[in-house]
């Protein structure tokens, strides 16, 4: 089964908590704090694998969750880091953050590794907080939470050449003859239901990958037929081979088919019209094909037209050589819009405020913000020293002063990230 678009939830591991411990050993006076740091949470890593051609492994996998780091131990022992979860994906996969609508990674090479969700850092144990003024700290940080994302994986197969055209124009027959691919071939429309890949070996030693796309029909760019689902795969190709039936049935005209298919390509993505096209005038062994070819050459004067017969294998070598020659003049990056440009424009983005104070409906002030959340998540509220450290941190940020200006007095309730605290001036 060919699957090229999946959505799932990914969550990296939380960092291990730091430990509060003291060294108690015979003959060792005042051993001091000995709580170790927690281990790092596991990352979610995607790796490109050119041996995969579909996202079927994700069909029933709706969630990927990495393990948490191990808690710090006694005697300053650090907790173990969690193992990363490494997921193999086909080369050509694009990973999107569904919430923000941004591209996280574009897997274009075999072995390319991309961290999709980063694991949280381990919390520090009380041995880290020991100073000459604080000999016995009862402070330990909790591990940072790992990143979590709603992601979508879209596969755009990587092929040098894409065969496009109406159903039953002979695309599957062409790819079966010029490569080792074995697509299903029959005399009814939409025989090809999924893209078929084949490696073409030119007699002079060159080679390229060709993809047989499911047949397009008028309106494919709006979802008609099978074309809409697979038009995205054309975006990765460097050369488009437009296959035309030179002896069409049902009173169809080769030039009319040519215009309709190009209109669908342009509607889906105007940049597709920048790619070089080679016209493969197929079925030249049938009656009426020669007359139609003569007429077609007067209608299309800006493209290379190569008459062939996939059934009798006539002139296929000329088509293969023409494709190989065209590919030599085109670089992969020239039409691949997902590869990052070498010139990067940097824009100043104002930093987010460390905290925001808003008044809830019941009149109680609620303090939120990324910095506040970072300090809150790292605080172990089971230890008084950790709570005092949290209070010092938010006081240093200016939260206390901001609350005073808003009229908050000692003993009144203040919410921090939804949790209630008593304000002490």
Protein backbone atom coordinates (compact mmCIF):
# COMPACT_ATOMS: atom_id res chain seq x y z
CA UNK A 1 0.00 0.00 0.00
CA UNK A 2 1.32 3.44 -0.95
CA UNK A 3 0.85 6.09 1.75
CA UNK A 4 2.39 9.53 1.29
CA UNK A 5 0.73 11.73 3.91
CA UNK A 6 0.36 11.00 7.64
CA UNK A 7 -0.23 13.00 10.82
CA UNK A 8 0.86 12.03 14.32
CA UNK A 9 1.88 13.30 17.75
CA UNK A 10 5.56 13.28 18.76
CA UNK A 11 6.89 13.90 22.26
CA UNK A 12 10.51 13.85 23.38
CA UNK A 13 11.49 12.57 26.79
CA UNK A 14 11.53 14.67 29.96
CA UNK A 15 14.85 15.23 31.67
CA UNK A 16 15.49 13.30 34.86
CA UNK A 17 15.03 15.12 38.16
CA UNK A 18 18.03 16.14 40.21
CA UNK A 19 18.48 14.44 43.60
CA UNK A 20 18.70 15.83 47.11
CA UNK A 21 21.12 13.65 49.06
CA UNK A 22 23.99 13.91 51.54
CA UNK A 23 27.03 11.80 51.94
CA UNK A 24 26.89 9.82 55.15
CA UNK A 25 29.88 7.58 55.47
CA UNK A 26 31.84 6.33 58.45
CA UNK A 27 35.02 8.31 59.12
CA UNK A 28 33.97 10.99 56.61
CA UNK A 29 33.02 14.06 58.62
CA UNK A 30 30.61 16.55 57.08
CA UNK A 31 30.34 14.65 53.81
CA UNK A 32 28.17 17.38 52.39
CA UNK A 33 25.58 17.39 49.60
CA UNK A 34 25.87 14.50 47.17
CA UNK A 35 22.74 14.59 45.00
CA UNK A 36 23.49 13.96 41.32
CA UNK A 37 22.03 15.55 38.21
CA UNK A 38 19.27 13.92 36.18
CA UNK A 39 19.83 12.44 32.73
CA UNK A 40 18.75 13.95 29.43
CA UNK A 41 15.41 12.94 27.91
CA UNK A 42 15.37 11.07 24.62
CA UNK A 43 15.14 12.93 21.30
CA UNK A 44 12.82 12.06 18.40
CA UNK A 45 15.09 11.73 15.37
CA UNK A 46 14.11 11.10 11.75
CA UNK A 47 16.67 9.58 9.37
CA UNK A 48 16.39 9.39 5.59
CA UNK A 49 16.40 5.89 4.12
CA UNK A 50 16.52 5.53 0.34
CA UNK A 51 15.29 1.94 0.65
CA UNK A 52 11.83 3.11 1.79
CA UNK A 53 9.24 4.31 -0.71
CA UNK A 54 6.11 4.79 1.40
CA UNK A 55 4.96 5.97 4.83
CA UNK A 56 2.96 2.80 5.48
CA UNK A 57 4.84 2.21 8.76
CA UNK A 58 2.99 5.23 10.18
CA UNK A 59 -0.46 4.09 9.11
CA UNK A 60 -1.37 2.79 12.57
CA UNK A 61 1.24 4.75 14.54
CA UNK A 62 -0.41 7.91 15.80
CA UNK A 63 1.98 8.70 18.64
CA UNK A 64 5.77 8.61 19.13
CA UNK A 65 6.95 9.14 22.72
CA UNK A 66 10.57 8.96 23.85
CA UNK A 67 11.67 7.79 27.31
CA UNK A 68 12.47 10.17 30.15
CA UNK A 69 15.95 10.62 31.57
CA UNK A 70 16.84 8.78 34.79
CA UNK A 71 16.74 10.66 38.09
CA UNK A 72 20.04 11.66 39.67
CA UNK A 73 21.47 9.31 42.29
CA UNK A 74 23.43 9.35 45.53
CA UNK A 75 27.15 10.08 45.81
CA UNK A 76 26.94 12.64 42.99
CA UNK A 77 25.96 9.96 40.49
CA UNK A 78 24.33 11.36 37.39
CA UNK A 79 21.19 9.74 36.01
CA UNK A 80 21.48 7.96 32.68
CA UNK A 81 20.43 9.70 29.48
CA UNK A 82 17.43 8.17 27.74
CA UNK A 83 17.97 6.59 24.35
CA UNK A 84 16.85 8.56 21.33
CA UNK A 85 14.02 7.20 19.19
CA UNK A 86 15.33 6.97 15.64
CA UNK A 87 12.65 6.72 12.93
CA UNK A 88 13.51 5.72 9.36
CA UNK A 89 11.60 7.72 6.73
CA UNK A 90 11.80 7.69 2.93
CA UNK A 91 14.10 10.15 1.23
CA UNK A 92 11.84 12.97 0.02
CA UNK A 93 9.88 13.28 3.27
CA UNK A 94 8.95 16.75 4.51
CA UNK A 95 8.04 17.13 8.19
CA UNK A 96 5.68 19.95 9.15
CA UNK A 97 4.70 21.43 12.51
CA UNK A 98 0.92 21.35 12.17
CA UNK A 99 0.30 23.93 14.90
CA UNK A 100 2.62 26.59 13.47
CA UNK A 101 2.37 25.53 9.83
CA UNK A 102 6.16 25.53 9.39
CA UNK A 103 8.62 23.07 7.89
CA UNK A 104 10.70 21.33 10.56
CA UNK A 105 12.85 19.25 8.22
CA UNK A 106 13.22 18.31 4.56
CA UNK A 107 14.81 14.86 4.20
CA UNK A 108 16.55 14.87 0.80
CA UNK A 109 19.57 12.61 1.40
CA UNK A 110 20.14 9.03 2.50
CA UNK A 111 21.35 9.00 6.10
CA UNK A 112 20.29 12.60 6.78
CA UNK A 113 19.43 12.98 10.48
CA UNK A 114 17.00 15.59 11.77
CA UNK A 115 15.95 16.10 15.40
CA UNK A 116 12.20 16.62 15.29
CA UNK A 117 11.61 16.93 19.05
CA UNK A 118 14.47 17.59 21.46
CA UNK A 119 14.58 15.90 24.84
CA UNK A 120 14.62 17.98 28.02
CA UNK A 121 17.77 18.65 30.03
CA UNK A 122 18.22 16.85 33.32
CA UNK A 123 17.65 18.79 36.53
CA UNK A 124 20.59 19.68 38.76
CA UNK A 125 21.07 17.89 42.07
CA UNK A 126 21.85 19.64 45.35
CA UNK A 127 25.59 18.94 44.99
CA UNK A 128 25.61 21.51 42.16
CA UNK A 129 24.17 24.24 44.40
CA UNK A 130 26.69 23.89 47.21
CA UNK A 131 28.70 27.07 47.84
CA UNK A 132 30.86 28.45 50.64
CA UNK A 133 27.78 30.29 51.95
CA UNK A 134 25.28 27.47 51.35
CA UNK A 135 26.90 24.33 52.74
CA UNK A 136 23.81 22.13 52.91
CA UNK A 137 21.41 23.13 50.13
CA UNK A 138 18.09 21.30 50.04
CA UNK A 139 17.62 22.31 46.42
CA UNK A 140 17.18 20.10 43.39
CA UNK A 141 15.72 20.98 40.01
CA UNK A 142 13.21 18.94 38.12
CA UNK A 143 14.09 17.88 34.61
CA UNK A 144 12.97 20.05 31.73
CA UNK A 145 9.99 18.76 29.73
CA UNK A 146 10.75 17.45 26.26
CA UNK A 147 9.43 19.12 23.14
CA UNK A 148 6.09 17.89 21.85
CA UNK A 149 4.52 18.55 18.48
CA UNK A 150 1.61 17.67 16.26
CA UNK A 151 3.46 16.83 13.05
CA UNK A 152 2.56 15.90 9.50
CA UNK A 153 4.84 13.90 7.22
CA UNK A 154 4.42 14.44 3.51
CA UNK A 155 6.31 12.27 1.04
CA UNK A 156 7.35 13.70 -2.31
CA UNK A 157 9.20 10.92 -4.07
CA UNK A 158 12.63 11.84 -5.39
CA UNK A 159 12.87 11.06 -9.09
CA UNK A 160 14.85 12.74 -11.86
CA UNK A 161 12.07 12.37 -14.42
CA UNK A 162 8.29 12.37 -14.13
CA UNK A 163 6.00 10.83 -16.77
CA UNK A 164 2.72 12.74 -17.04
CA UNK A 165 -0.28 12.44 -19.32
CA UNK A 166 -3.88 11.33 -19.59
CA UNK A 167 -4.82 7.81 -18.45
CA UNK A 168 -3.97 5.00 -20.89
CA UNK A 169 -1.50 7.01 -22.99
CA UNK A 170 1.19 4.38 -22.39
CA UNK A 171 3.21 5.72 -19.44
CA UNK A 172 3.27 2.38 -17.62
CA UNK A 173 4.33 0.56 -20.78
CA UNK A 174 7.18 3.04 -21.31
CA UNK A 175 8.57 2.67 -17.78
CA UNK A 176 8.27 -1.13 -17.96
CA UNK A 177 10.33 -1.18 -21.18
CA UNK A 178 13.06 1.34 -20.34
CA UNK A 179 13.56 0.18 -16.72
CA UNK A 180 13.14 -2.88 -14.53
CA UNK A 181 9.90 -1.57 -13.02
CA UNK A 182 6.87 -3.85 -13.36
CA UNK A 183 3.75 -1.67 -13.11
CA UNK A 184 0.27 -3.05 -13.70
CA UNK A 185 -0.69 -2.55 -17.35
CA UNK A 186 -4.24 -2.84 -18.71
CA UNK A 187 -6.49 -1.26 -21.33
CA UNK A 188 -8.68 0.71 -18.93
CA UNK A 189 -8.21 4.16 -17.31
CA UNK A 190 -6.43 4.59 -13.98
CA UNK A 191 -4.47 1.34 -14.22
CA UNK A 192 -1.70 3.14 -12.32
CA UNK A 193 -3.01 3.92 -8.85
CA UNK A 194 0.30 4.83 -7.21
CA UNK A 195 3.57 6.35 -8.49
CA UNK A 196 5.92 3.72 -9.92
CA UNK A 197 9.69 4.21 -9.77
CA UNK A 198 12.22 2.70 -12.15
CA UNK A 199 15.95 3.08 -12.71
CA UNK A 200 16.88 3.63 -16.36
CA UNK A 201 20.37 2.53 -17.43
CA UNK A 202 21.52 4.36 -20.56
CA UNK A 203 23.71 2.32 -22.92
CA UNK A 204 26.59 4.79 -22.51
CA UNK A 205 26.71 4.18 -18.74
CA UNK A 206 24.56 7.04 -17.47
CA UNK A 207 21.47 6.38 -15.34
CA UNK A 208 18.47 8.21 -13.90
CA UNK A 209 15.32 7.52 -11.90
CA UNK A 210 11.97 7.86 -13.65
CA UNK A 211 8.54 8.00 -11.99
CA UNK A 212 5.30 6.95 -13.69
CA UNK A 213 2.59 9.15 -12.20
CA UNK A 214 -1.09 8.16 -12.12
CA UNK A 215 -3.00 9.54 -15.08
CA UNK A 216 -4.21 13.13 -14.90
CA UNK A 217 -7.55 14.35 -16.15
CA UNK A 218 -9.07 17.78 -16.56
CA UNK A 219 -9.75 19.22 -13.10
CA UNK A 220 -7.07 17.12 -11.39
CA UNK A 221 -5.63 20.20 -9.64
CA UNK A 222 -9.03 20.66 -7.95
CA UNK A 223 -9.29 17.01 -6.91
CA UNK A 224 -10.81 15.27 -9.93
CA UNK A 225 -9.66 11.72 -10.67
CA UNK A 226 -6.47 10.48 -9.00
CA UNK A 227 -4.18 13.33 -10.02
CA UNK A 228 -4.63 15.70 -7.08
CA UNK A 229 -3.25 13.21 -4.57
CA UNK A 230 -0.06 12.64 -6.55
CA UNK A 231 0.62 15.98 -8.24
CA UNK A 232 2.92 16.88 -5.34
CA UNK A 233 5.40 14.22 -6.47
CA UNK A 234 6.00 16.06 -9.75
CA UNK A 235 7.45 18.95 -7.72
CA UNK A 236 10.59 16.92 -6.99
CA UNK A 237 11.40 15.99 -10.59
CA UNK A 238 13.92 17.84 -12.76
CA UNK A 239 12.50 16.92 -16.18
CA UNK A 240 8.90 16.27 -17.18
CA UNK A 241 8.22 13.81 -19.99
CA UNK A 242 4.78 14.57 -21.39
CA UNK A 243 3.37 11.39 -22.96
CA UNK A 244 0.76 11.93 -25.68
CA UNK A 245 -1.43 9.34 -27.39
CA UNK A 246 -1.00 9.96 -31.13
CA UNK A 247 -3.94 7.72 -32.04
CA UNK A 248 -6.51 8.64 -29.39
CA UNK A 249 -10.02 7.27 -29.19
CA UNK A 250 -13.19 9.16 -28.26
CA UNK A 251 -12.33 12.01 -30.68
CA UNK A 252 -9.58 13.35 -28.43
CA UNK A 253 -6.88 15.56 -29.89
CA UNK A 254 -3.17 15.15 -28.86
CA UNK A 255 -2.62 18.91 -28.80
CA UNK A 256 -5.78 19.42 -26.75
CA UNK A 257 -4.56 16.81 -24.26
CA UNK A 258 -1.20 18.59 -24.11
CA UNK A 259 -2.84 21.93 -23.25
CA UNK A 260 -5.18 20.42 -20.65
CA UNK A 261 -2.44 18.56 -18.77
CA UNK A 262 -0.16 21.60 -18.73
CA UNK A 263 -3.03 23.70 -17.42
CA UNK A 264 -3.49 21.27 -14.50
CA UNK A 265 0.25 21.36 -13.73
CA UNK A 266 0.31 25.14 -13.80
CA UNK A 267 -2.81 25.44 -11.65
CA UNK A 268 -1.33 23.12 -9.03
CA UNK A 269 2.07 24.87 -8.97
CA UNK A 270 3.06 27.53 -11.55
CA UNK A 271 6.74 26.72 -10.96
CA UNK A 272 6.22 23.36 -12.66
CA UNK A 273 6.08 25.18 -15.99
CA UNK A 274 9.72 26.23 -15.50
CA UNK A 275 10.86 22.63 -15.76
CA UNK A 276 11.98 21.42 -19.19
CA UNK A 277 9.45 19.18 -20.95
CA UNK A 278 10.13 16.49 -23.50
CA UNK A 279 7.15 15.37 -25.58
CA UNK A 280 6.95 11.60 -26.07
CA UNK A 281 4.57 11.08 -29.00
CA UNK A 282 3.51 7.49 -28.24
CA UNK A 283 1.61 4.80 -30.19
CA UNK A 284 3.19 5.70 -33.53
CA UNK A 285 2.53 2.13 -34.70
CA UNK A 286 -1.24 2.77 -34.89
CA UNK A 287 -3.17 4.10 -37.91
CA UNK A 288 -3.49 7.86 -38.09
CA UNK A 289 -0.56 8.53 -35.76
CA UNK A 290 1.76 9.86 -38.50
CA UNK A 291 -0.80 12.45 -39.62
CA UNK A 292 -1.41 13.56 -36.04
CA UNK A 293 2.36 13.87 -35.44
CA UNK A 294 2.80 16.09 -38.48
CA UNK A 295 0.03 18.35 -37.24
CA UNK A 296 1.38 18.37 -33.67
CA UNK A 297 4.81 19.60 -34.80
CA UNK A 298 3.17 22.69 -36.27
CA UNK A 299 1.29 23.32 -33.01
CA UNK A 300 4.19 22.79 -30.57
CA UNK A 301 7.36 24.47 -31.77
CA UNK A 302 9.17 25.20 -28.49
CA UNK A 303 9.51 21.61 -27.20
CA UNK A 304 11.45 18.54 -28.26
CA UNK A 305 9.01 16.01 -29.76
CA UNK A 306 10.21 12.41 -30.01
CA UNK A 307 7.93 9.92 -31.81
CA UNK A 308 7.97 6.48 -30.13
CA UNK A 309 6.06 3.26 -29.82
CA UNK A 310 6.30 1.70 -26.37
CA UNK A 311 4.52 -1.40 -27.68
CA UNK A 312 7.06 -2.12 -30.46
CA UNK A 313 9.95 -0.40 -28.58
CA UNK A 314 10.49 1.89 -31.55
CA UNK A 315 12.75 4.92 -30.95
CA UNK A 316 12.90 4.44 -27.16
CA UNK A 317 16.70 4.76 -27.19
CA UNK A 318 16.38 8.24 -28.69
CA UNK A 319 13.95 9.20 -25.90
CA UNK A 320 16.27 7.86 -23.20
CA UNK A 321 19.30 9.68 -24.65
CA UNK A 322 17.33 12.94 -24.92
CA UNK A 323 16.29 12.68 -21.25
CA UNK A 324 19.85 11.92 -20.09
CA UNK A 325 21.22 14.85 -22.09
CA UNK A 326 18.64 17.21 -20.63
CA UNK A 327 19.39 16.05 -17.07
CA UNK A 328 23.07 16.92 -17.48
CA UNK A 329 22.16 20.59 -17.85
CA UNK A 330 20.01 20.77 -14.71
CA UNK A 331 21.13 20.79 -11.09
CA UNK A 332 19.03 19.22 -8.36
CA UNK A 333 18.74 22.52 -6.47
CA UNK A 334 17.53 24.44 -9.52
CA UNK A 335 13.89 23.42 -9.14
CA UNK A 336 13.85 21.97 -5.62
CA UNK A 337 12.06 24.69 -3.71
CA UNK A 338 12.37 22.92 -0.36
CA UNK A 339 16.17 23.00 -0.19
CA UNK A 340 17.30 26.01 1.81
CA UNK A 341 18.85 28.90 -0.09
CA UNK A 342 22.51 29.71 0.43
CA UNK A 343 21.58 33.35 1.21
CA UNK A 344 19.71 33.73 4.49
CA UNK A 345 17.88 36.91 5.43
CA UNK A 346 17.98 37.65 9.14
CA UNK A 347 15.19 39.74 10.64
CA UNK A 348 15.02 41.16 14.14
CA UNK A 349 12.30 39.63 16.24
CA UNK A 350 11.56 41.41 19.53
CA UNK A 351 12.06 39.02 22.47
CA UNK A 352 8.97 37.88 24.31
CA UNK A 353 8.51 39.46 27.76
CA UNK A 354 9.72 37.26 30.64
CA UNK A 355 6.29 37.45 32.27
CA UNK A 356 2.76 38.73 31.70
CA UNK A 357 0.27 39.63 34.44
CA UNK A 358 -3.45 39.45 33.64
CA UNK A 359 -6.49 39.77 35.85
CA UNK A 360 -8.78 36.73 35.89
CA UNK A 361 -12.58 36.97 35.99
CA UNK A 362 -12.61 36.54 39.80
CA UNK A 363 -10.30 39.51 40.25
CA UNK A 364 -7.15 37.48 41.04
CA UNK A 365 -3.98 38.33 39.10
CA UNK A 366 -2.44 35.48 37.08
CA UNK A 367 1.26 35.51 36.18
CA UNK A 368 2.32 33.67 33.00
CA UNK A 369 5.24 33.67 30.57
CA UNK A 370 7.89 31.40 29.08
CA UNK A 371 10.57 32.32 31.63
CA UNK A 372 8.14 31.89 34.53
CA UNK A 373 7.12 28.46 33.21
CA UNK A 374 10.77 27.42 32.88
CA UNK A 375 11.45 28.30 36.52
CA UNK A 376 8.16 26.75 37.67
CA UNK A 377 8.76 23.43 35.89
CA UNK A 378 12.27 23.19 37.38
CA UNK A 379 11.09 23.76 40.97
CA UNK A 380 10.58 20.87 43.37
CA UNK A 381 7.89 22.25 45.65
CA UNK A 382 8.43 19.43 48.17
CA UNK A 383 11.59 21.18 49.44
CA UNK A 384 11.44 24.58 51.13
CA UNK A 385 14.83 25.62 49.76
CA UNK A 386 13.60 25.00 46.21
CA UNK A 387 10.48 27.07 46.85
CA UNK A 388 12.61 29.91 48.25
CA UNK A 389 14.84 29.74 45.18
CA UNK A 390 11.78 30.01 42.95
CA UNK A 391 10.60 33.05 44.92
CA UNK A 392 14.04 34.68 44.53
CA UNK A 393 14.06 34.03 40.79
CA UNK A 394 10.67 35.60 40.09
CA UNK A 395 11.50 38.51 42.41
CA UNK A 396 14.66 39.13 40.39
CA UNK A 397 12.52 39.17 37.20
CA UNK A 398 10.48 42.00 38.71
CA UNK A 399 7.25 40.11 39.33
CA UNK A 400 6.89 41.28 42.94
CA UNK A 401 7.37 44.93 42.02
CA UNK A 402 4.87 44.65 39.16
CA UNK A 403 2.26 43.12 41.49
CA UNK A 404 2.76 45.92 44.06
CA UNK A 405 2.14 48.53 41.36
CA UNK A 406 -1.12 46.75 40.53
CA UNK A 407 -2.20 47.06 44.16
CA UNK A 408 -1.62 43.53 45.41
CA UNK A 409 -1.00 43.46 49.19
CA UNK A 410 0.53 40.93 51.58
CA UNK A 411 -1.72 37.96 52.23
CA UNK A 412 -3.68 38.28 49.00
CA UNK A 413 -3.86 35.43 46.50
CA UNK A 414 -1.82 35.47 43.31
CA UNK A 415 -1.94 32.81 40.62
CA UNK A 416 1.21 31.69 38.85
CA UNK A 417 0.40 29.63 35.74
CA UNK A 418 -2.98 28.85 37.29
CA UNK A 419 -1.60 27.70 40.67
CA UNK A 420 -2.50 29.80 43.70
CA UNK A 421 0.12 31.35 46.01
CA UNK A 422 -0.02 33.80 48.91
CA UNK A 423 1.71 37.08 48.16
CA UNK A 424 4.24 38.06 50.83
CA UNK A 425 5.80 41.50 50.63
